[in-house]
Amino acid sequence: MEELKQGATKIVAVTVEELQSLMTTIVRNELELLITNPHLGDGFKEELWDRSQAASFLGISEQTLIKLVLEGKILAQRSGRKYHFLKSAVLNFLRAKTEY
């Protein structure tokens, strides 16, 4: 077995399925840490987000976000034509989505 020097790059071959599984596991674990940790980062601060901020955080379009609101999957406050989202409501949606 060959020893690698510190800082050396090692190239390994994996199948697409293995890579997808690994990425899914890592993302799921990171989301779980983010959602379940009461001290998110330097301290959890409740924030009020607009549609673009919430959609960007979730990695979805604003139209998909509004669809989720209308389906009752994400809580939002509507003021005229604008929607406002509490950061905690978006995180609750992620928590519910990751529970199987």
C-alpha atoms as a PDB file:
ATOM      1  CA  MET A   1       0.000   0.000   0.000  1.00  0.00           C
ATOM      2  CA  GLU A   2       1.335   3.368  -1.005  1.00  0.00           C
ATOM      3  CA  GLU A   3       1.673   6.131   1.577  1.00  0.00           C
ATOM      4  CA  LEU A   4       0.435   9.584   0.662  1.00  0.00           C
ATOM      5  CA  LYS A   5       2.333  12.689   1.613  1.00  0.00           C
ATOM      6  CA  GLN A   6       0.413  15.247   3.651  1.00  0.00           C
ATOM      7  CA  GLY A   7      -1.600  17.489   1.340  1.00  0.00           C
ATOM      8  CA  ALA A   8      -1.351  15.033  -1.563  1.00  0.00           C
ATOM      9  CA  THR A   9      -4.401  14.436  -3.721  1.00  0.00           C
ATOM     10  CA  LYS A  10      -5.794  10.935  -4.047  1.00  0.00           C
ATOM     11  CA  ILE A  11      -8.009  10.019  -6.964  1.00  0.00           C
ATOM     12  CA  VAL A  12     -10.614   7.306  -6.477  1.00  0.00           C
ATOM     13  CA  ALA A  13     -13.239   5.896  -8.799  1.00  0.00           C
ATOM     14  CA  VAL A  14     -16.868   5.648  -7.685  1.00  0.00           C
ATOM     15  CA  THR A  15     -20.036   4.874  -9.552  1.00  0.00           C
ATOM     16  CA  VAL A  16     -22.648   7.543 -10.113  1.00  0.00           C
ATOM     17  CA  GLU A  17     -24.978   5.708  -7.732  1.00  0.00           C
ATOM     18  CA  GLU A  18     -22.318   5.630  -4.998  1.00  0.00           C
ATOM     19  CA  LEU A  19     -21.627   9.344  -5.481  1.00  0.00           C
ATOM     20  CA  GLN A  20     -25.344  10.193  -5.345  1.00  0.00           C
ATOM     21  CA  SER A  21     -25.787   8.090  -2.220  1.00  0.00           C
ATOM     22  CA  LEU A  22     -22.791   9.711  -0.550  1.00  0.00           C
ATOM     23  CA  MET A  23     -23.965  13.222  -1.433  1.00  0.00           C
ATOM     24  CA  THR A  24     -27.510  12.474  -0.233  1.00  0.00           C
ATOM     25  CA  THR A  25     -26.190  11.158   3.071  1.00  0.00           C
ATOM     26  CA  ILE A  26     -23.922  14.160   3.617  1.00  0.00           C
ATOM     27  CA  VAL A  27     -26.610  16.710   2.752  1.00  0.00           C
ATOM     28  CA  ARG A  28     -29.201  14.934   4.908  1.00  0.00           C
ATOM     29  CA  ASN A  29     -26.785  14.841   7.868  1.00  0.00           C
ATOM     30  CA  GLU A  30     -25.925  18.533   7.494  1.00  0.00           C
ATOM     31  CA  LEU A  31     -29.601  19.511   7.254  1.00  0.00           C
ATOM     32  CA  GLU A  32     -30.380  17.416  10.316  1.00  0.00           C
ATOM     33  CA  LEU A  33     -27.610  19.183  12.236  1.00  0.00           C
ATOM     34  CA  LEU A  34     -28.876  22.561  11.090  1.00  0.00           C
ATOM     35  CA  ILE A  35     -32.469  21.789  12.034  1.00  0.00           C
ATOM     36  CA  THR A  36     -31.940  19.970  15.323  1.00  0.00           C
ATOM     37  CA  ASN A  37     -29.179  22.153  16.739  1.00  0.00           C
ATOM     38  CA  PRO A  38     -30.768  24.829  18.936  1.00  0.00           C
ATOM     39  CA  HIS A  39     -27.679  27.001  18.539  1.00  0.00           C
ATOM     40  CA  LEU A  40     -27.545  27.395  14.783  1.00  0.00           C
ATOM     41  CA  GLY A  41     -24.184  28.893  13.966  1.00  0.00           C
ATOM     42  CA  ASP A  42     -23.393  31.807  16.271  1.00  0.00           C
ATOM     43  CA  GLY A  43     -26.901  31.720  17.689  1.00  0.00           C
ATOM     44  CA  PHE A  44     -30.320  31.331  16.163  1.00  0.00           C
ATOM     45  CA  LYS A  45     -31.938  34.600  15.253  1.00  0.00           C
ATOM     46  CA  GLU A  46     -35.519  34.657  14.040  1.00  0.00           C
ATOM     47  CA  GLU A  47     -35.740  36.476  10.764  1.00  0.00           C
ATOM     48  CA  LEU A  48     -38.546  37.571   8.478  1.00  0.00           C
ATOM     49  CA  TRP A  49     -37.848  36.568   4.893  1.00  0.00           C
ATOM     50  CA  ASP A  50     -39.512  37.584   1.646  1.00  0.00           C
ATOM     51  CA  ARG A  51     -40.288  35.122  -1.145  1.00  0.00           C
ATOM     52  CA  SER A  52     -36.921  35.387  -2.839  1.00  0.00           C
ATOM     53  CA  GLN A  53     -34.963  34.845   0.398  1.00  0.00           C
ATOM     54  CA  ALA A  54     -37.016  31.785   1.412  1.00  0.00           C
ATOM     55  CA  ALA A  55     -36.925  30.300  -2.090  1.00  0.00           C
ATOM     56  CA  SER A  56     -33.177  30.873  -2.348  1.00  0.00           C
ATOM     57  CA  PHE A  57     -32.572  29.209   1.034  1.00  0.00           C
ATOM     58  CA  LEU A  58     -34.614  26.170  -0.025  1.00  0.00           C
ATOM     59  CA  GLY A  59     -33.090  26.062  -3.507  1.00  0.00           C
ATOM     60  CA  ILE A  60     -36.461  26.238  -5.251  1.00  0.00           C
ATOM     61  CA  SER A  61     -38.248  28.777  -7.434  1.00  0.00           C
ATOM     62  CA  GLU A  62     -40.564  31.403  -5.961  1.00  0.00           C
ATOM     63  CA  GLN A  63     -43.472  29.775  -7.826  1.00  0.00           C
ATOM     64  CA  THR A  64     -42.755  26.414  -6.201  1.00  0.00           C
ATOM     65  CA  LEU A  65     -42.511  28.126  -2.811  1.00  0.00           C
ATOM     66  CA  ILE A  66     -45.963  29.717  -3.244  1.00  0.00           C
ATOM     67  CA  LYS A  67     -47.341  26.340  -4.357  1.00  0.00           C
ATOM     68  CA  LEU A  68     -46.049  24.837  -1.082  1.00  0.00           C
ATOM     69  CA  VAL A  69     -47.700  27.692   0.850  1.00  0.00           C
ATOM     70  CA  LEU A  70     -51.034  27.126  -0.898  1.00  0.00           C
ATOM     71  CA  GLU A  71     -50.769  23.383  -0.158  1.00  0.00           C
ATOM     72  CA  GLY A  72     -50.257  24.241   3.525  1.00  0.00           C
ATOM     73  CA  LYS A  73     -46.762  22.762   3.676  1.00  0.00           C
ATOM     74  CA  ILE A  74     -45.022  26.030   4.607  1.00  0.00           C
ATOM     75  CA  LEU A  75     -46.535  28.694   6.829  1.00  0.00           C
ATOM     76  CA  ALA A  76     -46.458  32.243   5.505  1.00  0.00           C
ATOM     77  CA  GLN A  77     -48.102  35.583   6.172  1.00  0.00           C
ATOM     78  CA  ARG A  78     -49.666  37.323   3.211  1.00  0.00           C
ATOM     79  CA  SER A  79     -49.780  41.090   3.138  1.00  0.00           C
ATOM     80  CA  GLY A  80     -51.448  42.310  -0.037  1.00  0.00           C
ATOM     81  CA  ARG A  81     -49.538  40.685  -2.867  1.00  0.00           C
ATOM     82  CA  LYS A  82     -46.483  39.924  -0.739  1.00  0.00           C
ATOM     83  CA  TYR A  83     -45.679  36.840   1.295  1.00  0.00           C
ATOM     84  CA  HIS A  84     -43.471  36.871   4.382  1.00  0.00           C
ATOM     85  CA  PHE A  85     -41.853  33.809   5.934  1.00  0.00           C
ATOM     86  CA  LEU A  86     -40.401  33.250   9.381  1.00  0.00           C
ATOM     87  CA  LYS A  87     -37.036  31.535   9.225  1.00  0.00           C
ATOM     88  CA  SER A  88     -38.326  29.012  11.778  1.00  0.00           C
ATOM     89  CA  ALA A  89     -41.281  28.133   9.502  1.00  0.00           C
ATOM     90  CA  VAL A  90     -38.906  27.385   6.629  1.00  0.00           C
ATOM     91  CA  LEU A  91     -36.714  25.256   8.916  1.00  0.00           C
ATOM     92  CA  ASN A  92     -39.834  23.434  10.189  1.00  0.00           C
ATOM     93  CA  PHE A  93     -40.692  22.603   6.577  1.00  0.00           C
ATOM     94  CA  LEU A  94     -37.203  21.144   6.098  1.00  0.00           C
ATOM     95  CA  ARG A  95     -37.515  19.172   9.337  1.00  0.00           C
ATOM     96  CA  ALA A  96     -40.847  17.694   8.235  1.00  0.00           C
ATOM     97  CA  LYS A  97     -39.426  16.924   4.798  1.00  0.00           C
ATOM     98  CA  THR A  98     -36.391  15.060   6.173  1.00  0.00           C
ATOM     99  CA  GLU A  99     -38.397  12.900   8.611  1.00  0.00           C
ATOM    100  CA  TYR A 100     -39.281   9.558   7.100  1.00  0.00           C
END
